[in-house]
Amino acid sequence: MKSAKCENCGAGVTAGAVVCAYCGTTFVTAAPGVAGPPPGANPELVRLIRAGQKIEAIKVYRDATKCGLREAKDAVEALERTLAGRH
């Protein structure tokens, strides 16, 4: 498996991991054959979208950005399409 690095401590992490074994930082990396999140994507949003929890992801996005419902829905759906490989 291809290895990535923890954004916090730089330790090597295995693709698909969600927690750094060294420092405990939570993150998302792509499993083989799965589109990875775009740079800067909120790991919590990625996790919620991949878990099929779109409404919760919209709530998290709205809370983080203080934007309106429509803007949050559009942003979450755009990220959802990116993760599914449908730009």
PDB file of N, CA and C in Angstrom:
ATOM      1  N   MET A   1       0.834  -1.195   0.000  1.00  0.00           N
ATOM      2  CA  MET A   1       0.000   0.000   0.000  1.00  0.00           C
ATOM      3  C   MET A   1       0.873   1.250   0.000  1.00  0.00           C
ATOM      4  N   LYS A   2       0.396   2.250  -0.672  1.00  0.00           N
ATOM      5  CA  LYS A   2       1.107   3.516  -0.712  1.00  0.00           C
ATOM      6  C   LYS A   2       0.994   4.203   0.639  1.00  0.00           C
ATOM      7  N   SER A   3       2.053   4.839   1.059  1.00  0.00           N
ATOM      8  CA  SER A   3       2.077   5.499   2.355  1.00  0.00           C
ATOM      9  C   SER A   3       1.931   7.000   2.182  1.00  0.00           C
ATOM     10  N   ALA A   4       1.271   7.628   3.114  1.00  0.00           N
ATOM     11  CA  ALA A   4       1.116   9.077   3.149  1.00  0.00           C
ATOM     12  C   ALA A   4       1.752   9.563   4.442  1.00  0.00           C
ATOM     13  N   LYS A   5       1.753  10.864   4.658  1.00  0.00           N
ATOM     14  CA  LYS A   5       2.320  11.418   5.883  1.00  0.00           C
ATOM     15  C   LYS A   5       1.263  12.176   6.663  1.00  0.00           C
ATOM     16  N   CYS A   6       1.340  12.065   7.980  1.00  0.00           N
ATOM     17  CA  CYS A   6       0.456  12.810   8.875  1.00  0.00           C
ATOM     18  C   CYS A   6       0.748  14.292   8.710  1.00  0.00           C
ATOM     19  N   GLU A   7      -0.295  15.095   8.556  1.00  0.00           N
ATOM     20  CA  GLU A   7      -0.124  16.538   8.399  1.00  0.00           C
ATOM     21  C   GLU A   7       0.387  17.190   9.674  1.00  0.00           C
ATOM     22  N   ASN A   8       0.157  16.558  10.812  1.00  0.00           N
ATOM     23  CA  ASN A   8       0.547  17.138  12.093  1.00  0.00           C
ATOM     24  C   ASN A   8       1.993  16.825  12.466  1.00  0.00           C
ATOM     25  N   CYS A   9       2.360  15.522  12.423  1.00  0.00           N
ATOM     26  CA  CYS A   9       3.689  15.128  12.913  1.00  0.00           C
ATOM     27  C   CYS A   9       4.614  14.609  11.826  1.00  0.00           C
ATOM     28  N   GLY A  10       4.089  14.320  10.631  1.00  0.00           N
ATOM     29  CA  GLY A  10       4.911  13.837   9.535  1.00  0.00           C
ATOM     30  C   GLY A  10       5.174  12.344   9.538  1.00  0.00           C
ATOM     31  N   ALA A  11       4.600  11.619  10.481  1.00  0.00           N
ATOM     32  CA  ALA A  11       4.782  10.169  10.528  1.00  0.00           C
ATOM     33  C   ALA A  11       4.092   9.521   9.334  1.00  0.00           C
ATOM     34  N   GLY A  12       4.610   8.409   8.869  1.00  0.00           N
ATOM     35  CA  GLY A  12       3.995   7.686   7.768  1.00  0.00           C
ATOM     36  C   GLY A  12       2.695   7.035   8.205  1.00  0.00           C
ATOM     37  N   VAL A  13       1.674   7.098   7.356  1.00  0.00           N
ATOM     38  CA  VAL A  13       0.374   6.473   7.636  1.00  0.00           C
ATOM     39  C   VAL A  13      -0.059   5.667   6.421  1.00  0.00           C
ATOM     40  N   THR A  14      -0.767   4.602   6.645  1.00  0.00           N
ATOM     41  CA  THR A  14      -1.236   3.732   5.582  1.00  0.00           C
ATOM     42  C   THR A  14      -2.498   4.303   4.947  1.00  0.00           C
ATOM     43  N   ALA A  15      -2.649   4.153   3.634  1.00  0.00           N
ATOM     44  CA  ALA A  15      -3.845   4.618   2.932  1.00  0.00           C
ATOM     45  C   ALA A  15      -5.084   4.027   3.574  1.00  0.00           C
ATOM     46  N   GLY A  16      -6.105   4.840   3.774  1.00  0.00           N
ATOM     47  CA  GLY A  16      -7.342   4.408   4.396  1.00  0.00           C
ATOM     48  C   GLY A  16      -7.371   4.637   5.901  1.00  0.00           C
ATOM     49  N   ALA A  17      -6.224   4.990   6.489  1.00  0.00           N
ATOM     50  CA  ALA A  17      -6.168   5.224   7.932  1.00  0.00           C
ATOM     51  C   ALA A  17      -6.929   6.498   8.282  1.00  0.00           C
ATOM     52  N   VAL A  18      -7.440   6.560   9.501  1.00  0.00           N
ATOM     53  CA  VAL A  18      -8.152   7.754   9.939  1.00  0.00           C
ATOM     54  C   VAL A  18      -7.532   8.389  11.177  1.00  0.00           C
ATOM     55  N   VAL A  19      -6.569   7.692  11.796  1.00  0.00           N
ATOM     56  CA  VAL A  19      -5.893   8.231  12.974  1.00  0.00           C
ATOM     57  C   VAL A  19      -4.408   7.919  12.862  1.00  0.00           C
ATOM     58  N   CYS A  20      -3.565   8.907  13.108  1.00  0.00           N
ATOM     59  CA  CYS A  20      -2.124   8.699  13.122  1.00  0.00           C
ATOM     60  C   CYS A  20      -1.763   7.863  14.343  1.00  0.00           C
ATOM     61  N   ALA A  21      -1.061   6.764  14.119  1.00  0.00           N
ATOM     62  CA  ALA A  21      -0.675   5.875  15.212  1.00  0.00           C
ATOM     63  C   ALA A  21       0.332   6.540  16.138  1.00  0.00           C
ATOM     64  N   TYR A  22       1.039   7.550  15.656  1.00  0.00           N
ATOM     65  CA  TYR A  22       2.066   8.198  16.453  1.00  0.00           C
ATOM     66  C   TYR A  22       1.505   9.324  17.332  1.00  0.00           C
ATOM     67  N   CYS A  23       0.761  10.268  16.709  1.00  0.00           N
ATOM     68  CA  CYS A  23       0.305  11.440  17.475  1.00  0.00           C
ATOM     69  C   CYS A  23      -1.201  11.470  17.732  1.00  0.00           C
ATOM     70  N   GLY A  24      -1.966  10.587  17.052  1.00  0.00           N
ATOM     71  CA  GLY A  24      -3.405  10.532  17.284  1.00  0.00           C
ATOM     72  C   GLY A  24      -4.231  11.504  16.461  1.00  0.00           C
ATOM     73  N   THR A  25      -3.604  12.241  15.547  1.00  0.00           N
ATOM     74  CA  THR A  25      -4.334  13.178  14.698  1.00  0.00           C
ATOM     75  C   THR A  25      -5.339  12.426  13.829  1.00  0.00           C
ATOM     76  N   THR A  26      -6.561  12.940  13.727  1.00  0.00           N
ATOM     77  CA  THR A  26      -7.594  12.341  12.888  1.00  0.00           C
ATOM     78  C   THR A  26      -7.526  12.967  11.502  1.00  0.00           C
ATOM     79  N   PHE A  27      -7.598  12.133  10.473  1.00  0.00           N
ATOM     80  CA  PHE A  27      -7.533  12.607   9.096  1.00  0.00           C
ATOM     81  C   PHE A  27      -8.123  11.549   8.182  1.00  0.00           C
ATOM     82  N   VAL A  28      -8.200  11.885   6.896  1.00  0.00           N
ATOM     83  CA  VAL A  28      -8.744  10.956   5.912  1.00  0.00           C
ATOM     84  C   VAL A  28      -7.753  10.833   4.772  1.00  0.00           C
ATOM     85  N   THR A  29      -7.430   9.610   4.412  1.00  0.00           N
ATOM     86  CA  THR A  29      -6.643   9.348   3.210  1.00  0.00           C
ATOM     87  C   THR A  29      -7.450   8.419   2.334  1.00  0.00           C
ATOM     88  N   ALA A  30      -7.172   8.413   1.062  1.00  0.00           N
ATOM     89  CA  ALA A  30      -7.953   7.598   0.135  1.00  0.00           C
ATOM     90  C   ALA A  30      -7.506   6.144   0.166  1.00  0.00           C
ATOM     91  N   ALA A  31      -8.468   5.264   0.170  1.00  0.00           N
ATOM     92  CA  ALA A  31      -8.183   3.843   0.015  1.00  0.00           C
ATOM     93  C   ALA A  31      -7.938   3.583  -1.467  1.00  0.00           C
ATOM     94  N   PRO A  32      -7.261   2.510  -1.827  1.00  0.00           N
ATOM     95  CA  PRO A  32      -7.017   2.223  -3.238  1.00  0.00           C
ATOM     96  C   PRO A  32      -8.319   2.200  -4.043  1.00  0.00           C
ATOM     97  N   GLY A  33      -8.329   2.899  -5.167  1.00  0.00           N
ATOM     98  CA  GLY A  33      -9.499   2.935  -6.042  1.00  0.00           C
ATOM     99  C   GLY A  33     -10.559   3.937  -5.627  1.00  0.00           C
ATOM    100  N   VAL A  34     -10.321   4.694  -4.565  1.00  0.00           N
ATOM    101  CA  VAL A  34     -11.290   5.678  -4.087  1.00  0.00           C
ATOM    102  C   VAL A  34     -10.676   7.059  -4.253  1.00  0.00           C
ATOM    103  N   ALA A  35     -11.460   7.992  -4.783  1.00  0.00           N
ATOM    104  CA  ALA A  35     -10.962   9.351  -4.962  1.00  0.00           C
ATOM    105  C   ALA A  35     -10.641   9.968  -3.613  1.00  0.00           C
ATOM    106  N   GLY A  36      -9.503  10.599  -3.521  1.00  0.00           N
ATOM    107  CA  GLY A  36      -9.105  11.258  -2.285  1.00  0.00           C
ATOM    108  C   GLY A  36      -9.761  12.618  -2.166  1.00  0.00           C
ATOM    109  N   PRO A  37      -9.797  13.154  -0.970  1.00  0.00           N
ATOM    110  CA  PRO A  37     -10.378  14.476  -0.787  1.00  0.00           C
ATOM    111  C   PRO A  37      -9.487  15.541  -1.417  1.00  0.00           C
ATOM    112  N   PRO A  38     -10.084  16.634  -1.871  1.00  0.00           N
ATOM    113  CA  PRO A  38      -9.261  17.704  -2.428  1.00  0.00           C
ATOM    114  C   PRO A  38      -8.434  18.343  -1.314  1.00  0.00           C
ATOM    115  N   PRO A  39      -7.315  18.968  -1.659  1.00  0.00           N
ATOM    116  CA  PRO A  39      -6.492  19.623  -0.643  1.00  0.00           C
ATOM    117  C   PRO A  39      -7.312  20.627   0.151  1.00  0.00           C
ATOM    118  N   GLY A  40      -7.156  20.610   1.445  1.00  0.00           N
ATOM    119  CA  GLY A  40      -7.862  21.546   2.312  1.00  0.00           C
ATOM    120  C   GLY A  40      -9.264  21.118   2.702  1.00  0.00           C
ATOM    121  N   ALA A  41      -9.723  19.960   2.226  1.00  0.00           N
ATOM    122  CA  ALA A  41     -11.070  19.500   2.571  1.00  0.00           C
ATOM    123  C   ALA A  41     -11.130  19.172   4.066  1.00  0.00           C
ATOM    124  N   ASN A  42     -12.212  19.557   4.687  1.00  0.00           N
ATOM    125  CA  ASN A  42     -12.427  19.281   6.109  1.00  0.00           C
ATOM    126  C   ASN A  42     -12.584  17.771   6.297  1.00  0.00           C
ATOM    127  N   PRO A  43     -11.691  17.134   7.068  1.00  0.00           N
ATOM    128  CA  PRO A  43     -11.766  15.677   7.250  1.00  0.00           C
ATOM    129  C   PRO A  43     -13.106  15.213   7.820  1.00  0.00           C
ATOM    130  N   GLU A  44     -13.721  16.010   8.668  1.00  0.00           N
ATOM    131  CA  GLU A  44     -15.016  15.633   9.243  1.00  0.00           C
ATOM    132  C   GLU A  44     -16.088  15.609   8.158  1.00  0.00           C
ATOM    133  N   LEU A  45     -16.064  16.584   7.239  1.00  0.00           N
ATOM    134  CA  LEU A  45     -17.025  16.592   6.132  1.00  0.00           C
ATOM    135  C   LEU A  45     -16.825  15.367   5.244  1.00  0.00           C
ATOM    136  N   VAL A  46     -15.581  15.055   4.953  1.00  0.00           N
ATOM    137  CA  VAL A  46     -15.284  13.890   4.114  1.00  0.00           C
ATOM    138  C   VAL A  46     -15.809  12.621   4.786  1.00  0.00           C
ATOM    139  N   ARG A  47     -15.557  12.482   6.076  1.00  0.00           N
ATOM    140  CA  ARG A  47     -16.015  11.305   6.809  1.00  0.00           C
ATOM    141  C   ARG A  47     -17.534  11.194   6.773  1.00  0.00           C
ATOM    142  N   LEU A  48     -18.230  12.311   7.008  1.00  0.00           N
ATOM    143  CA  LEU A  48     -19.693  12.299   7.013  1.00  0.00           C
ATOM    144  C   LEU A  48     -20.251  11.963   5.634  1.00  0.00           C
ATOM    145  N   ILE A  49     -19.668  12.533   4.589  1.00  0.00           N
ATOM    146  CA  ILE A  49     -20.148  12.261   3.234  1.00  0.00           C
ATOM    147  C   ILE A  49     -19.949  10.791   2.891  1.00  0.00           C
ATOM    148  N   ARG A  50     -18.778  10.264   3.209  1.00  0.00           N
ATOM    149  CA  ARG A  50     -18.512   8.852   2.922  1.00  0.00           C
ATOM    150  C   ARG A  50     -19.397   7.924   3.738  1.00  0.00           C
ATOM    151  N   ALA A  51     -19.870   8.393   4.882  1.00  0.00           N
ATOM    152  CA  ALA A  51     -20.766   7.591   5.725  1.00  0.00           C
ATOM    153  C   ALA A  51     -22.227   7.765   5.312  1.00  0.00           C
ATOM    154  N   GLY A  52     -22.485   8.590   4.282  1.00  0.00           N
ATOM    155  CA  GLY A  52     -23.856   8.804   3.819  1.00  0.00           C
ATOM    156  C   GLY A  52     -24.657   9.755   4.687  1.00  0.00           C
ATOM    157  N   GLN A  53     -23.972  10.584   5.464  1.00  0.00           N
ATOM    158  CA  GLN A  53     -24.640  11.513   6.374  1.00  0.00           C
ATOM    159  C   GLN A  53     -24.576  12.940   5.817  1.00  0.00           C
ATOM    160  N   LYS A  54     -25.221  13.133   4.663  1.00  0.00           N
ATOM    161  CA  LYS A  54     -25.151  14.425   3.984  1.00  0.00           C
ATOM    162  C   LYS A  54     -25.756  15.563   4.812  1.00  0.00           C
ATOM    163  N   ILE A  55     -26.879  15.325   5.454  1.00  0.00           N
ATOM    164  CA  ILE A  55     -27.515  16.387   6.242  1.00  0.00           C
ATOM    165  C   ILE A  55     -26.608  16.824   7.378  1.00  0.00           C
ATOM    166  N   GLU A  56     -25.985  15.876   8.053  1.00  0.00           N
ATOM    167  CA  GLU A  56     -25.058  16.220   9.135  1.00  0.00           C
ATOM    168  C   GLU A  56     -23.855  16.980   8.575  1.00  0.00           C
ATOM    169  N   ALA A  57     -23.377  16.579   7.381  1.00  0.00           N
ATOM    170  CA  ALA A  57     -22.264  17.277   6.748  1.00  0.00           C
ATOM    171  C   ALA A  57     -22.644  18.725   6.435  1.00  0.00           C
ATOM    172  N   ILE A  58     -23.862  18.945   5.982  1.00  0.00           N
ATOM    173  CA  ILE A  58     -24.333  20.311   5.700  1.00  0.00           C
ATOM    174  C   ILE A  58     -24.358  21.122   6.988  1.00  0.00           C
ATOM    175  N   LYS A  59     -24.826  20.529   8.076  1.00  0.00           N
ATOM    176  CA  LYS A  59     -24.842  21.226   9.371  1.00  0.00           C
ATOM    177  C   LYS A  59     -23.435  21.611   9.807  1.00  0.00           C
ATOM    178  N   VAL A  60     -22.486  20.673   9.659  1.00  0.00           N
ATOM    179  CA  VAL A  60     -21.097  20.946  10.049  1.00  0.00           C
ATOM    180  C   VAL A  60     -20.530  22.071   9.180  1.00  0.00           C
ATOM    181  N   TYR A  61     -20.795  22.019   7.873  1.00  0.00           N
ATOM    182  CA  TYR A  61     -20.301  23.057   6.965  1.00  0.00           C
ATOM    183  C   TYR A  61     -20.879  24.424   7.342  1.00  0.00           C
ATOM    184  N   ARG A  62     -22.178  24.472   7.597  1.00  0.00           N
ATOM    185  CA  ARG A  62     -22.812  25.744   7.968  1.00  0.00           C
ATOM    186  C   ARG A  62     -22.234  26.296   9.257  1.00  0.00           C
ATOM    187  N   ASP A  63     -22.012  25.413  10.230  1.00  0.00           N
ATOM    188  CA  ASP A  63     -21.461  25.843  11.510  1.00  0.00           C
ATOM    189  C   ASP A  63     -20.042  26.391  11.330  1.00  0.00           C
ATOM    190  N   ALA A  64     -19.252  25.740  10.483  1.00  0.00           N
ATOM    191  CA  ALA A  64     -17.865  26.148  10.290  1.00  0.00           C
ATOM    192  C   ALA A  64     -17.738  27.430   9.473  1.00  0.00           C
ATOM    193  N   THR A  65     -18.645  27.631   8.515  1.00  0.00           N
ATOM    194  CA  THR A  65     -18.507  28.766   7.601  1.00  0.00           C
ATOM    195  C   THR A  65     -19.496  29.893   7.846  1.00  0.00           C
ATOM    196  N   LYS A  66     -20.524  29.625   8.646  1.00  0.00           N
ATOM    197  CA  LYS A  66     -21.581  30.621   8.925  1.00  0.00           C
ATOM    198  C   LYS A  66     -22.311  31.054   7.661  1.00  0.00           C
ATOM    199  N   CYS A  67     -22.407  30.130   6.682  1.00  0.00           N
ATOM    200  CA  CYS A  67     -23.088  30.445   5.426  1.00  0.00           C
ATOM    201  C   CYS A  67     -24.544  29.985   5.495  1.00  0.00           C
ATOM    202  N   GLY A  68     -25.272  30.262   4.438  1.00  0.00           N
ATOM    203  CA  GLY A  68     -26.664  29.871   4.359  1.00  0.00           C
ATOM    204  C   GLY A  68     -26.835  28.408   3.975  1.00  0.00           C
ATOM    205  N   LEU A  69     -28.072  27.930   4.088  1.00  0.00           N
ATOM    206  CA  LEU A  69     -28.376  26.532   3.806  1.00  0.00           C
ATOM    207  C   LEU A  69     -28.061  26.164   2.355  1.00  0.00           C
ATOM    208  N   ARG A  70     -28.455  26.988   1.419  1.00  0.00           N
ATOM    209  CA  ARG A  70     -28.243  26.687  -0.004  1.00  0.00           C
ATOM    210  C   ARG A  70     -26.753  26.587  -0.336  1.00  0.00           C
ATOM    211  N   GLU A  71     -25.973  27.558   0.157  1.00  0.00           N
ATOM    212  CA  GLU A  71     -24.528  27.549  -0.100  1.00  0.00           C
ATOM    213  C   GLU A  71     -23.876  26.309   0.511  1.00  0.00           C
ATOM    214  N   ALA A  72     -24.290  25.947   1.719  1.00  0.00           N
ATOM    215  CA  ALA A  72     -23.735  24.761   2.385  1.00  0.00           C
ATOM    216  C   ALA A  72     -24.102  23.493   1.622  1.00  0.00           C
ATOM    217  N   LYS A  73     -25.357  23.395   1.187  1.00  0.00           N
ATOM    218  CA  LYS A  73     -25.805  22.221   0.441  1.00  0.00           C
ATOM    219  C   LYS A  73     -25.019  22.096  -0.864  1.00  0.00           C
ATOM    220  N   ASP A  74     -24.851  23.209  -1.579  1.00  0.00           N
ATOM    221  CA  ASP A  74     -24.103  23.192  -2.832  1.00  0.00           C
ATOM    222  C   ASP A  74     -22.654  22.778  -2.601  1.00  0.00           C
ATOM    223  N   ALA A  75     -22.033  23.287  -1.547  1.00  0.00           N
ATOM    224  CA  ALA A  75     -20.634  22.968  -1.255  1.00  0.00           C
ATOM    225  C   ALA A  75     -20.469  21.500  -0.894  1.00  0.00           C
ATOM    226  N   VAL A  76     -21.373  20.975  -0.066  1.00  0.00           N
ATOM    227  CA  VAL A  76     -21.300  19.570   0.341  1.00  0.00           C
ATOM    228  C   VAL A  76     -21.537  18.665  -0.865  1.00  0.00           C
ATOM    229  N   GLU A  77     -22.489  19.012  -1.710  1.00  0.00           N
ATOM    230  CA  GLU A  77     -22.758  18.202  -2.900  1.00  0.00           C
ATOM    231  C   GLU A  77     -21.590  18.251  -3.883  1.00  0.00           C
ATOM    232  N   ALA A  78     -20.919  19.390  -3.978  1.00  0.00           N
ATOM    233  CA  ALA A  78     -19.741  19.492  -4.842  1.00  0.00           C
ATOM    234  C   ALA A  78     -18.624  18.584  -4.311  1.00  0.00           C
ATOM    235  N   LEU A  79     -18.409  18.593  -3.004  1.00  0.00           N
ATOM    236  CA  LEU A  79     -17.403  17.736  -2.399  1.00  0.00           C
ATOM    237  C   LEU A  79     -17.794  16.266  -2.577  1.00  0.00           C
ATOM    238  N   GLU A  80     -19.074  15.978  -2.444  1.00  0.00           N
ATOM    239  CA  GLU A  80     -19.580  14.609  -2.639  1.00  0.00           C
ATOM    240  C   GLU A  80     -19.281  14.124  -4.063  1.00  0.00           C
ATOM    241  N   ARG A  81     -19.519  14.989  -5.059  1.00  0.00           N
ATOM    242  CA  ARG A  81     -19.233  14.625  -6.454  1.00  0.00           C
ATOM    243  C   ARG A  81     -17.735  14.414  -6.661  1.00  0.00           C
ATOM    244  N   THR A  82     -16.919  15.264  -6.058  1.00  0.00           N
ATOM    245  CA  THR A  82     -15.465  15.131  -6.179  1.00  0.00           C
ATOM    246  C   THR A  82     -14.999  13.811  -5.594  1.00  0.00           C
ATOM    247  N   LEU A  83     -15.514  13.449  -4.439  1.00  0.00           N
ATOM    248  CA  LEU A  83     -15.122  12.198  -3.799  1.00  0.00           C
ATOM    249  C   LEU A  83     -15.579  10.985  -4.603  1.00  0.00           C
ATOM    250  N   ALA A  84     -16.691  11.133  -5.301  1.00  0.00           N
ATOM    251  CA  ALA A  84     -17.201  10.039  -6.130  1.00  0.00           C
ATOM    252  C   ALA A  84     -16.532  10.007  -7.501  1.00  0.00           C
ATOM    253  N   GLY A  85     -15.701  11.028  -7.793  1.00  0.00           N
ATOM    254  CA  GLY A  85     -15.013  11.071  -9.075  1.00  0.00           C
ATOM    255  C   GLY A  85     -15.836  11.668 -10.189  1.00  0.00           C
ATOM    256  N   ARG A  86     -16.966  12.322  -9.839  1.00  0.00           N
ATOM    257  CA  ARG A  86     -17.841  12.950 -10.840  1.00  0.00           C
ATOM    258  C   ARG A  86     -17.730  14.460 -10.691  1.00  0.00           C
ATOM    259  N   HIS A  87     -16.829  15.068 -11.405  1.00  0.00           N
ATOM    260  CA  HIS A  87     -16.618  16.522 -11.291  1.00  0.00           C
ATOM    261  C   HIS A  87     -17.713  17.165 -12.050  1.00  0.00           C
TER     262      HIS A  87
END
